PDB file of N, CA and C in Angstrom:
ATOM      1  N   MET A   1       9.421   1.876 -14.543  1.00  0.00           N
ATOM      2  CA  MET A   1       7.995   1.726 -14.622  1.00  0.00           C
ATOM      3  C   MET A   1       7.766   1.087 -16.009  1.00  0.00           C
ATOM      4  N   ASN A   2       7.054  -0.041 -15.967  1.00  0.00           N
ATOM      5  CA  ASN A   2       6.686  -0.774 -17.103  1.00  0.00           C
ATOM      6  C   ASN A   2       5.361  -0.345 -17.673  1.00  0.00           C
ATOM      7  N   HIS A   3       5.281   0.477 -18.630  1.00  0.00           N
ATOM      8  CA  HIS A   3       3.963   0.980 -19.120  1.00  0.00           C
ATOM      9  C   HIS A   3       3.101  -0.142 -19.622  1.00  0.00           C
ATOM     10  N   GLU A   4       3.650  -1.123 -20.263  1.00  0.00           N
ATOM     11  CA  GLU A   4       2.853  -2.304 -20.768  1.00  0.00           C
ATOM     12  C   GLU A   4       2.176  -2.947 -19.570  1.00  0.00           C
ATOM     13  N   ARG A   5       2.893  -3.255 -18.573  1.00  0.00           N
ATOM     14  CA  ARG A   5       2.285  -3.897 -17.387  1.00  0.00           C
ATOM     15  C   ARG A   5       1.297  -3.053 -16.784  1.00  0.00           C
ATOM     16  N   ILE A   6       1.425  -1.809 -16.683  1.00  0.00           N
ATOM     17  CA  ILE A   6       0.439  -0.819 -16.152  1.00  0.00           C
ATOM     18  C   ILE A   6      -0.783  -0.953 -16.973  1.00  0.00           C
ATOM     19  N   GLN A   7      -0.644  -0.936 -18.336  1.00  0.00           N
ATOM     20  CA  GLN A   7      -1.801  -0.998 -19.155  1.00  0.00           C
ATOM     21  C   GLN A   7      -2.636  -2.297 -18.900  1.00  0.00           C
ATOM     22  N   GLN A   8      -1.822  -3.342 -18.857  1.00  0.00           N
ATOM     23  CA  GLN A   8      -2.450  -4.703 -18.530  1.00  0.00           C
ATOM     24  C   GLN A   8      -3.280  -4.733 -17.183  1.00  0.00           C
ATOM     25  N   LEU A   9      -2.609  -4.142 -16.220  1.00  0.00           N
ATOM     26  CA  LEU A   9      -3.309  -4.013 -14.960  1.00  0.00           C
ATOM     27  C   LEU A   9      -4.488  -3.175 -14.827  1.00  0.00           C
ATOM     28  N   LYS A  10      -4.398  -2.044 -15.643  1.00  0.00           N
ATOM     29  CA  LYS A  10      -5.546  -1.177 -15.750  1.00  0.00           C
ATOM     30  C   LYS A  10      -6.783  -1.886 -16.445  1.00  0.00           C
ATOM     31  N   GLU A  11      -6.416  -2.635 -17.517  1.00  0.00           N
ATOM     32  CA  GLU A  11      -7.455  -3.412 -18.195  1.00  0.00           C
ATOM     33  C   GLU A  11      -8.145  -4.438 -17.309  1.00  0.00           C
ATOM     34  N   LEU A  12      -7.323  -5.184 -16.489  1.00  0.00           N
ATOM     35  CA  LEU A  12      -7.930  -6.133 -15.554  1.00  0.00           C
ATOM     36  C   LEU A  12      -8.787  -5.338 -14.524  1.00  0.00           C
ATOM     37  N   LEU A  13      -8.426  -4.224 -14.111  1.00  0.00           N
ATOM     38  CA  LEU A  13      -9.202  -3.430 -13.233  1.00  0.00           C
ATOM     39  C   LEU A  13     -10.486  -2.869 -13.856  1.00  0.00           C
ATOM     40  N   THR A  14     -10.384  -2.680 -15.122  1.00  0.00           N
ATOM     41  CA  THR A  14     -11.682  -2.351 -15.811  1.00  0.00           C
ATOM     42  C   THR A  14     -12.686  -3.462 -15.662  1.00  0.00           C
ATOM     43  N   ASP A  15     -12.227  -4.672 -15.860  1.00  0.00           N
ATOM     44  CA  ASP A  15     -13.077  -5.784 -15.730  1.00  0.00           C
ATOM     45  C   ASP A  15     -13.608  -6.017 -14.386  1.00  0.00           C
ATOM     46  N   ASP A  16     -12.631  -5.813 -13.448  1.00  0.00           N
ATOM     47  CA  ASP A  16     -13.019  -5.981 -11.937  1.00  0.00           C
ATOM     48  C   ASP A  16     -12.290  -4.951 -11.059  1.00  0.00           C
ATOM     49  N   PRO A  17     -12.959  -3.846 -10.820  1.00  0.00           N
ATOM     50  CA  PRO A  17     -12.397  -2.711 -10.164  1.00  0.00           C
ATOM     51  C   PRO A  17     -11.991  -3.056  -8.721  1.00  0.00           C
ATOM     52  N   ARG A  18     -12.618  -4.113  -8.236  1.00  0.00           N
ATOM     53  CA  ARG A  18     -12.345  -4.592  -6.744  1.00  0.00           C
ATOM     54  C   ARG A  18     -11.351  -5.614  -6.635  1.00  0.00           C
ATOM     55  N   ASP A  19     -10.619  -5.882  -7.681  1.00  0.00           N
ATOM     56  CA  ASP A  19      -9.382  -6.853  -7.689  1.00  0.00           C
ATOM     57  C   ASP A  19      -8.283  -6.269  -6.862  1.00  0.00           C
ATOM     58  N   SER A  20      -8.241  -6.718  -5.592  1.00  0.00           N
ATOM     59  CA  SER A  20      -7.253  -6.192  -4.681  1.00  0.00           C
ATOM     60  C   SER A  20      -5.868  -6.313  -5.088  1.00  0.00           C
ATOM     61  N   PHE A  21      -5.636  -7.626  -5.626  1.00  0.00           N
ATOM     62  CA  PHE A  21      -4.178  -8.001  -5.961  1.00  0.00           C
ATOM     63  C   PHE A  21      -3.786  -7.132  -7.162  1.00  0.00           C
ATOM     64  N   CYS A  22      -4.596  -6.949  -8.140  1.00  0.00           N
ATOM     65  CA  CYS A  22      -4.209  -6.053  -9.338  1.00  0.00           C
ATOM     66  C   CYS A  22      -4.080  -4.589  -8.923  1.00  0.00           C
ATOM     67  N   ARG A  23      -4.914  -4.098  -8.066  1.00  0.00           N
ATOM     68  CA  ARG A  23      -4.846  -2.700  -7.622  1.00  0.00           C
ATOM     69  C   ARG A  23      -3.444  -2.508  -6.875  1.00  0.00           C
ATOM     70  N   TYR A  24      -3.087  -3.429  -5.987  1.00  0.00           N
ATOM     71  CA  TYR A  24      -1.814  -3.542  -5.221  1.00  0.00           C
ATOM     72  C   TYR A  24      -0.719  -3.543  -6.207  1.00  0.00           C
ATOM     73  N   ALA A  25      -0.698  -4.409  -7.170  1.00  0.00           N
ATOM     74  CA  ALA A  25       0.359  -4.627  -8.112  1.00  0.00           C
ATOM     75  C   ALA A  25       0.560  -3.305  -8.999  1.00  0.00           C
ATOM     76  N   LEU A  26      -0.607  -2.656  -9.395  1.00  0.00           N
ATOM     77  CA  LEU A  26      -0.522  -1.407 -10.089  1.00  0.00           C
ATOM     78  C   LEU A  26       0.195  -0.322  -9.184  1.00  0.00           C
ATOM     79  N   ALA A  27      -0.165  -0.318  -7.896  1.00  0.00           N
ATOM     80  CA  ALA A  27       0.465   0.669  -7.084  1.00  0.00           C
ATOM     81  C   ALA A  27       2.015   0.453  -6.984  1.00  0.00           C
ATOM     82  N   LEU A  28       2.374  -0.845  -6.890  1.00  0.00           N
ATOM     83  CA  LEU A  28       3.850  -1.057  -6.864  1.00  0.00           C
ATOM     84  C   LEU A  28       4.550  -0.783  -8.161  1.00  0.00           C
ATOM     85  N   GLU A  29       3.809  -0.988  -9.269  1.00  0.00           N
ATOM     86  CA  GLU A  29       4.368  -0.653 -10.551  1.00  0.00           C
ATOM     87  C   GLU A  29       4.602   0.928 -10.639  1.00  0.00           C
ATOM     88  N   TYR A  30       3.618   1.611 -10.238  1.00  0.00           N
ATOM     89  CA  TYR A  30       3.848   3.091 -10.243  1.00  0.00           C
ATOM     90  C   TYR A  30       5.040   3.478  -9.318  1.00  0.00           C
ATOM     91  N   ALA A  31       5.027   2.846  -8.194  1.00  0.00           N
ATOM     92  CA  ALA A  31       6.079   3.283  -7.168  1.00  0.00           C
ATOM     93  C   ALA A  31       7.480   2.960  -7.670  1.00  0.00           C
ATOM     94  N   SER A  32       7.626   2.129  -8.775  1.00  0.00           N
ATOM     95  CA  SER A  32       9.031   1.833  -9.190  1.00  0.00           C
ATOM     96  C   SER A  32       9.579   3.039  -9.932  1.00  0.00           C
ATOM     97  N   ASP A  33       8.776   4.095 -10.150  1.00  0.00           N
ATOM     98  CA  ASP A  33       9.232   5.365 -10.745  1.00  0.00           C
ATOM     99  C   ASP A  33       8.966   6.449  -9.648  1.00  0.00           C
ATOM    100  N   PRO A  34      10.079   6.963  -9.022  1.00  0.00           N
ATOM    101  CA  PRO A  34       9.843   8.040  -8.102  1.00  0.00           C
ATOM    102  C   PRO A  34       8.868   9.202  -8.486  1.00  0.00           C
ATOM    103  N   SER A  35       8.861   9.544  -9.728  1.00  0.00           N
ATOM    104  CA  SER A  35       7.961  10.617 -10.152  1.00  0.00           C
ATOM    105  C   SER A  35       6.511  10.243 -10.148  1.00  0.00           C
ATOM    106  N   ALA A  36       6.151   8.914  -9.965  1.00  0.00           N
ATOM    107  CA  ALA A  36       4.843   8.473  -9.980  1.00  0.00           C
ATOM    108  C   ALA A  36       4.404   7.992  -8.607  1.00  0.00           C
ATOM    109  N   LEU A  37       5.149   8.372  -7.532  1.00  0.00           N
ATOM    110  CA  LEU A  37       4.878   7.888  -6.269  1.00  0.00           C
ATOM    111  C   LEU A  37       3.476   8.387  -5.768  1.00  0.00           C
ATOM    112  N   ASN A  38       3.074   9.550  -6.098  1.00  0.00           N
ATOM    113  CA  ASN A  38       1.711  10.058  -5.743  1.00  0.00           C
ATOM    114  C   ASN A  38       0.686   9.116  -6.297  1.00  0.00           C
ATOM    115  N   GLN A  39       0.807   8.664  -7.572  1.00  0.00           N
ATOM    116  CA  GLN A  39      -0.126   7.753  -8.141  1.00  0.00           C
ATOM    117  C   GLN A  39      -0.186   6.486  -7.430  1.00  0.00           C
ATOM    118  N   ALA A  40       0.941   5.946  -6.988  1.00  0.00           N
ATOM    119  CA  ALA A  40       0.989   4.743  -6.299  1.00  0.00           C
ATOM    120  C   ALA A  40       0.199   4.992  -4.869  1.00  0.00           C
ATOM    121  N   ILE A  41       0.470   6.087  -4.258  1.00  0.00           N
ATOM    122  CA  ILE A  41      -0.306   6.337  -2.943  1.00  0.00           C
ATOM    123  C   ILE A  41      -1.837   6.406  -3.234  1.00  0.00           C
ATOM    124  N   ARG A  42      -2.161   7.033  -4.294  1.00  0.00           N
ATOM    125  CA  ARG A  42      -3.725   6.980  -4.603  1.00  0.00           C
ATOM    126  C   ARG A  42      -4.195   5.767  -4.817  1.00  0.00           C
ATOM    127  N   GLU A  43      -3.515   4.841  -5.524  1.00  0.00           N
ATOM    128  CA  GLU A  43      -4.048   3.558  -5.767  1.00  0.00           C
ATOM    129  C   GLU A  43      -4.078   2.689  -4.427  1.00  0.00           C
ATOM    130  N   LEU A  44      -3.155   2.928  -3.534  1.00  0.00           N
ATOM    131  CA  LEU A  44      -3.241   2.180  -2.254  1.00  0.00           C
ATOM    132  C   LEU A  44      -4.322   2.781  -1.458  1.00  0.00           C
ATOM    133  N   GLU A  45      -4.538   4.040  -1.426  1.00  0.00           N
ATOM    134  CA  GLU A  45      -5.585   4.729  -0.579  1.00  0.00           C
ATOM    135  C   GLU A  45      -6.937   4.223  -1.115  1.00  0.00           C
ATOM    136  N   LEU A  46      -7.106   3.981  -2.406  1.00  0.00           N
ATOM    137  CA  LEU A  46      -8.388   3.407  -2.940  1.00  0.00           C
ATOM    138  C   LEU A  46      -8.530   2.029  -2.563  1.00  0.00           C
ATOM    139  N   LEU A  47      -7.335   1.244  -2.660  1.00  0.00           N
ATOM    140  CA  LEU A  47      -7.509  -0.173  -2.159  1.00  0.00           C
ATOM    141  C   LEU A  47      -7.876  -0.215  -0.778  1.00  0.00           C
ATOM    142  N   LYS A  48      -7.318   0.574   0.095  1.00  0.00           N
ATOM    143  CA  LYS A  48      -7.675   0.640   1.525  1.00  0.00           C
ATOM    144  C   LYS A  48      -9.200   0.890   1.736  1.00  0.00           C
ATOM    145  N   LYS A  49      -9.875   1.656   0.914  1.00  0.00           N
ATOM    146  CA  LYS A  49     -11.260   1.932   0.917  1.00  0.00           C
ATOM    147  C   LYS A  49     -12.019   0.652   0.390  1.00  0.00           C
ATOM    148  N   ILE A  50     -11.533   0.093  -0.681  1.00  0.00           N
ATOM    149  CA  ILE A  50     -12.263  -1.053  -1.249  1.00  0.00           C
ATOM    150  C   ILE A  50     -12.050  -2.358  -0.435  1.00  0.00           C
ATOM    151  N   ASP A  51     -10.839  -2.556   0.109  1.00  0.00           N
ATOM    152  CA  ASP A  51     -10.607  -3.845   0.749  1.00  0.00           C
ATOM    153  C   ASP A  51      -9.635  -3.553   1.943  1.00  0.00           C
ATOM    154  N   PRO A  52     -10.192  -2.987   3.089  1.00  0.00           N
ATOM    155  CA  PRO A  52      -9.357  -2.666   4.200  1.00  0.00           C
ATOM    156  C   PRO A  52      -8.722  -3.874   4.886  1.00  0.00           C
ATOM    157  N   GLN A  53      -9.099  -5.016   4.578  1.00  0.00           N
ATOM    158  CA  GLN A  53      -8.512  -6.272   5.093  1.00  0.00           C
ATOM    159  C   GLN A  53      -7.257  -6.675   4.331  1.00  0.00           C
ATOM    160  N   TYR A  54      -6.936  -6.012   3.270  1.00  0.00           N
ATOM    161  CA  TYR A  54      -5.737  -6.365   2.423  1.00  0.00           C
ATOM    162  C   TYR A  54      -4.460  -5.905   3.100  1.00  0.00           C
ATOM    163  N   LEU A  55      -3.899  -6.750   4.023  1.00  0.00           N
ATOM    164  CA  LEU A  55      -2.898  -6.334   4.958  1.00  0.00           C
ATOM    165  C   LEU A  55      -1.566  -5.814   4.320  1.00  0.00           C
ATOM    166  N   ALA A  56      -1.165  -6.390   3.161  1.00  0.00           N
ATOM    167  CA  ALA A  56      -0.020  -5.938   2.508  1.00  0.00           C
ATOM    168  C   ALA A  56       0.029  -4.414   2.179  1.00  0.00           C
ATOM    169  N   LEU A  57      -1.097  -3.782   2.012  1.00  0.00           N
ATOM    170  CA  LEU A  57      -1.121  -2.404   1.574  1.00  0.00           C
ATOM    171  C   LEU A  57      -0.585  -1.491   2.643  1.00  0.00           C
ATOM    172  N   TYR A  58      -0.766  -1.833   3.920  1.00  0.00           N
ATOM    173  CA  TYR A  58      -0.450  -0.962   5.033  1.00  0.00           C
ATOM    174  C   TYR A  58       1.113  -0.649   5.083  1.00  0.00           C
ATOM    175  N   TYR A  59       1.930  -1.641   4.894  1.00  0.00           N
ATOM    176  CA  TYR A  59       3.271  -1.439   4.924  1.00  0.00           C
ATOM    177  C   TYR A  59       3.725  -0.472   3.823  1.00  0.00           C
ATOM    178  N   GLN A  60       3.216  -0.859   2.626  1.00  0.00           N
ATOM    179  CA  GLN A  60       3.705   0.027   1.442  1.00  0.00           C
ATOM    180  C   GLN A  60       3.162   1.419   1.528  1.00  0.00           C
ATOM    181  N   LEU A  61       1.805   1.586   1.896  1.00  0.00           N
ATOM    182  CA  LEU A  61       1.337   2.884   2.096  1.00  0.00           C
ATOM    183  C   LEU A  61       2.080   3.681   3.142  1.00  0.00           C
ATOM    184  N   GLY A  62       2.389   3.077   4.244  1.00  0.00           N
ATOM    185  CA  GLY A  62       3.218   3.797   5.299  1.00  0.00           C
ATOM    186  C   GLY A  62       4.537   4.179   4.854  1.00  0.00           C
ATOM    187  N   LEU A  63       5.128   3.340   4.091  1.00  0.00           N
ATOM    188  CA  LEU A  63       6.490   3.587   3.601  1.00  0.00           C
ATOM    189  C   LEU A  63       6.385   4.759   2.470  1.00  0.00           C
ATOM    190  N   PHE A  64       5.347   4.749   1.648  1.00  0.00           N
ATOM    191  CA  PHE A  64       5.225   5.781   0.654  1.00  0.00           C
ATOM    192  C   PHE A  64       4.985   7.114   1.298  1.00  0.00           C
ATOM    193  N   TYR A  65       4.103   7.117   2.357  1.00  0.00           N
ATOM    194  CA  TYR A  65       3.888   8.318   3.079  1.00  0.00           C
ATOM    195  C   TYR A  65       5.070   8.868   3.657  1.00  0.00           C
ATOM    196  N   HIS A  66       5.846   7.987   4.222  1.00  0.00           N
ATOM    197  CA  HIS A  66       7.080   8.290   4.874  1.00  0.00           C
ATOM    198  C   HIS A  66       8.142   9.026   3.791  1.00  0.00           C
ATOM    199  N   GLN A  67       8.219   8.342   2.621  1.00  0.00           N
ATOM    200  CA  GLN A  67       9.047   8.896   1.516  1.00  0.00           C
ATOM    201  C   GLN A  67       8.576  10.213   1.090  1.00  0.00           C
ATOM    202  N   GLU A  68       7.253  10.543   1.268  1.00  0.00           N
ATOM    203  CA  GLU A  68       6.743  11.756   0.819  1.00  0.00           C
ATOM    204  C   GLU A  68       6.787  12.835   2.089  1.00  0.00           C
ATOM    205  N   GLN A  69       7.424  12.493   3.155  1.00  0.00           N
ATOM    206  CA  GLN A  69       7.490  13.266   4.363  1.00  0.00           C
ATOM    207  C   GLN A  69       6.130  13.462   4.983  1.00  0.00           C
ATOM    208  N   GLU A  70       5.242  12.639   4.944  1.00  0.00           N
ATOM    209  CA  GLU A  70       3.936  12.688   5.595  1.00  0.00           C
ATOM    210  C   GLU A  70       3.955  11.786   6.714  1.00  0.00           C
ATOM    211  N   LYS A  71       4.763  12.200   7.751  1.00  0.00           N
ATOM    212  CA  LYS A  71       5.054  11.373   9.000  1.00  0.00           C
ATOM    213  C   LYS A  71       3.798  10.944   9.690  1.00  0.00           C
ATOM    214  N   GLU A  72       2.896  11.849   9.912  1.00  0.00           N
ATOM    215  CA  GLU A  72       1.738  11.507  10.725  1.00  0.00           C
ATOM    216  C   GLU A  72       0.824  10.494  10.017  1.00  0.00           C
ATOM    217  N   LYS A  73       0.682  10.757   8.690  1.00  0.00           N
ATOM    218  CA  LYS A  73      -0.108   9.798   7.870  1.00  0.00           C
ATOM    219  C   LYS A  73       0.488   8.508   7.922  1.00  0.00           C
ATOM    220  N   ALA A  74       1.958   8.434   7.793  1.00  0.00           N
ATOM    221  CA  ALA A  74       2.610   7.084   7.801  1.00  0.00           C
ATOM    222  C   ALA A  74       2.394   6.412   9.149  1.00  0.00           C
ATOM    223  N   LYS A  75       2.517   7.113  10.169  1.00  0.00           N
ATOM    224  CA  LYS A  75       2.329   6.459  11.549  1.00  0.00           C
ATOM    225  C   LYS A  75       0.905   6.047  11.725  1.00  0.00           C
ATOM    226  N   GLN A  76       0.010   6.757  11.199  1.00  0.00           N
ATOM    227  CA  GLN A  76      -1.409   6.297  11.391  1.00  0.00           C
ATOM    228  C   GLN A  76      -1.725   5.029  10.638  1.00  0.00           C
ATOM    229  N   VAL A  77      -1.306   5.002   9.412  1.00  0.00           N
ATOM    230  CA  VAL A  77      -1.563   3.860   8.590  1.00  0.00           C
ATOM    231  C   VAL A  77      -0.760   2.628   9.104  1.00  0.00           C
ATOM    232  N   LEU A  78       0.344   2.768   9.702  1.00  0.00           N
ATOM    233  CA  LEU A  78       1.139   1.646  10.185  1.00  0.00           C
ATOM    234  C   LEU A  78       0.427   1.129  11.419  1.00  0.00           C
ATOM    235  N   LEU A  79       0.007   2.046  12.211  1.00  0.00           N
ATOM    236  CA  LEU A  79      -0.804   1.555  13.459  1.00  0.00           C
ATOM    237  C   LEU A  79      -2.019   0.820  13.063  1.00  0.00           C
ATOM    238  N   GLU A  80      -2.732   1.216  12.107  1.00  0.00           N
ATOM    239  CA  GLU A  80      -3.915   0.551  11.581  1.00  0.00           C
ATOM    240  C   GLU A  80      -3.600  -0.906  11.014  1.00  0.00           C
ATOM    241  N   GLY A  81      -2.409  -0.909  10.407  1.00  0.00           N
ATOM    242  CA  GLY A  81      -1.988  -2.096   9.842  1.00  0.00           C
ATOM    243  C   GLY A  81      -1.539  -3.091  10.931  1.00  0.00           C
ATOM    244  N   MET A  82      -0.962  -2.526  11.980  1.00  0.00           N
ATOM    245  CA  MET A  82      -0.534  -3.365  13.121  1.00  0.00           C
ATOM    246  C   MET A  82      -1.750  -3.988  13.826  1.00  0.00           C
ATOM    247  N   SER A  83      -2.773  -3.175  13.880  1.00  0.00           N
ATOM    248  CA  SER A  83      -4.031  -3.699  14.526  1.00  0.00           C
ATOM    249  C   SER A  83      -4.609  -4.821  13.769  1.00  0.00           C
ATOM    250  N   LEU A  84      -4.682  -4.583  12.480  1.00  0.00           N
ATOM    251  CA  LEU A  84      -5.219  -5.610  11.523  1.00  0.00           C
ATOM    252  C   LEU A  84      -4.402  -6.839  11.547  1.00  0.00           C
ATOM    253  N   ALA A  85      -3.031  -6.659  11.519  1.00  0.00           N
ATOM    254  CA  ALA A  85      -2.176  -7.850  11.601  1.00  0.00           C
ATOM    255  C   ALA A  85      -2.415  -8.585  12.880  1.00  0.00           C
ATOM    256  N   LYS A  86      -2.559  -7.906  13.994  1.00  0.00           N
ATOM    257  CA  LYS A  86      -2.854  -8.610  15.256  1.00  0.00           C
ATOM    258  C   LYS A  86      -4.245  -9.366  15.176  1.00  0.00           C
ATOM    259  N   GLN A  87      -5.226  -8.707  14.554  1.00  0.00           N
ATOM    260  CA  GLN A  87      -6.461  -9.398  14.426  1.00  0.00           C
ATOM    261  C   GLN A  87      -6.399 -10.682  13.583  1.00  0.00           C
ATOM    262  N   GLN A  88      -5.568 -10.610  12.474  1.00  0.00           N
ATOM    263  CA  GLN A  88      -5.380 -11.757  11.507  1.00  0.00           C
ATOM    264  C   GLN A  88      -4.439 -12.748  12.098  1.00  0.00           C
ATOM    265  N   GLY A  89      -3.788 -12.413  13.273  1.00  0.00           N
ATOM    266  CA  GLY A  89      -2.802 -13.393  13.801  1.00  0.00           C
ATOM    267  C   GLY A  89      -1.512 -13.515  12.916  1.00  0.00           C
ATOM    268  N   ASN A  90      -1.181 -12.376  12.267  1.00  0.00           N
ATOM    269  CA  ASN A  90       0.011 -12.367  11.409  1.00  0.00           C
ATOM    270  C   ASN A  90       1.157 -11.674  12.066  1.00  0.00           C
ATOM    271  N   ALA A  91       1.876 -12.423  12.830  1.00  0.00           N
ATOM    272  CA  ALA A  91       2.962 -11.966  13.615  1.00  0.00           C
ATOM    273  C   ALA A  91       4.122 -11.283  12.860  1.00  0.00           C
ATOM    274  N   HIS A  92       4.387 -11.970  11.657  1.00  0.00           N
ATOM    275  CA  HIS A  92       5.501 -11.493  10.796  1.00  0.00           C
ATOM    276  C   HIS A  92       5.164 -10.087  10.280  1.00  0.00           C
ATOM    277  N   THR A  93       4.004  -9.930   9.703  1.00  0.00           N
ATOM    278  CA  THR A  93       3.715  -8.608   9.162  1.00  0.00           C
ATOM    279  C   THR A  93       3.545  -7.596  10.315  1.00  0.00           C
ATOM    280  N   TYR A  94       3.073  -7.908  11.403  1.00  0.00           N
ATOM    281  CA  TYR A  94       3.001  -7.121  12.564  1.00  0.00           C
ATOM    282  C   TYR A  94       4.427  -6.520  12.926  1.00  0.00           C
ATOM    283  N   SER A  95       5.444  -7.380  12.909  1.00  0.00           N
ATOM    284  CA  SER A  95       6.788  -7.043  13.177  1.00  0.00           C
ATOM    285  C   SER A  95       7.349  -6.123  12.128  1.00  0.00           C
ATOM    286  N   GLU A  96       7.064  -6.425  10.978  1.00  0.00           N
ATOM    287  CA  GLU A  96       7.539  -5.432   9.804  1.00  0.00           C
ATOM    288  C   GLU A  96       6.948  -4.071   9.939  1.00  0.00           C
ATOM    289  N   LEU A  97       5.669  -4.028  10.266  1.00  0.00           N
ATOM    290  CA  LEU A  97       4.993  -2.711  10.459  1.00  0.00           C
ATOM    291  C   LEU A  97       5.625  -1.932  11.585  1.00  0.00           C
ATOM    292  N   GLU A  98       5.810  -2.666  12.728  1.00  0.00           N
ATOM    293  CA  GLU A  98       6.365  -2.096  13.892  1.00  0.00           C
ATOM    294  C   GLU A  98       7.789  -1.562  13.730  1.00  0.00           C
ATOM    295  N   PHE A  99       8.589  -2.423  12.880  1.00  0.00           N
ATOM    296  CA  PHE A  99       9.969  -1.951  12.657  1.00  0.00           C
ATOM    297  C   PHE A  99       9.949  -0.589  11.789  1.00  0.00           C
ATOM    298  N   LEU A 100       9.121  -0.570  10.797  1.00  0.00           N
ATOM    299  CA  LEU A 100       9.015   0.693  10.017  1.00  0.00           C
ATOM    300  C   LEU A 100       8.557   1.888  10.857  1.00  0.00           C
ATOM    301  N   LEU A 101       7.545   1.515  11.718  1.00  0.00           N
ATOM    302  CA  LEU A 101       7.038   2.638  12.615  1.00  0.00           C
ATOM    303  C   LEU A 101       8.122   3.082  13.550  1.00  0.00           C
ATOM    304  N   ASP A 102       8.951   2.230  14.080  1.00  0.00           N
ATOM    305  CA  ASP A 102      10.073   2.661  14.973  1.00  0.00           C
ATOM    306  C   ASP A 102      11.082   3.465  14.148  1.00  0.00           C
ATOM    307  N   ASP A 103      11.254   3.044  12.925  1.00  0.00           N
ATOM    308  CA  ASP A 103      12.129   3.841  12.023  1.00  0.00           C
ATOM    309  C   ASP A 103      11.708   5.275  11.773  1.00  0.00           C
ATOM    310  N   ILE A 104      10.442   5.391  11.616  1.00  0.00           N
ATOM    311  CA  ILE A 104       9.801   6.788  11.438  1.00  0.00           C
ATOM    312  C   ILE A 104       9.826   7.591  12.655  1.00  0.00           C
ATOM    313  N   GLU A 105       9.663   7.084  13.837  1.00  0.00           N
ATOM    314  CA  GLU A 105       9.612   7.857  15.055  1.00  0.00           C
ATOM    315  C   GLU A 105      11.035   8.052  15.394  1.00  0.00           C
TER     316      GLU A 105
END
């Protein structure tokens, strides 16, 4: 986990708390340290509330829930992501989400 990068991302989010890319990047930075996975999950949950159309968050959030043994939460968020991917016409992301869902089940 790069603390300097985390600080930079937090500063950017102070300027614009609705910056989806920065929030997503912050979550991934936290996730690079297994002891900070819960913080990564919180950031992605917040991003989902702020920008539920940000498709990339669904795979990562599902994966992180799975890593935390939250199987039902993982399945739910992956299904939501699959629905969104279908709406957006994004077959590649749909397949990735479906593959992870199959792995969880």
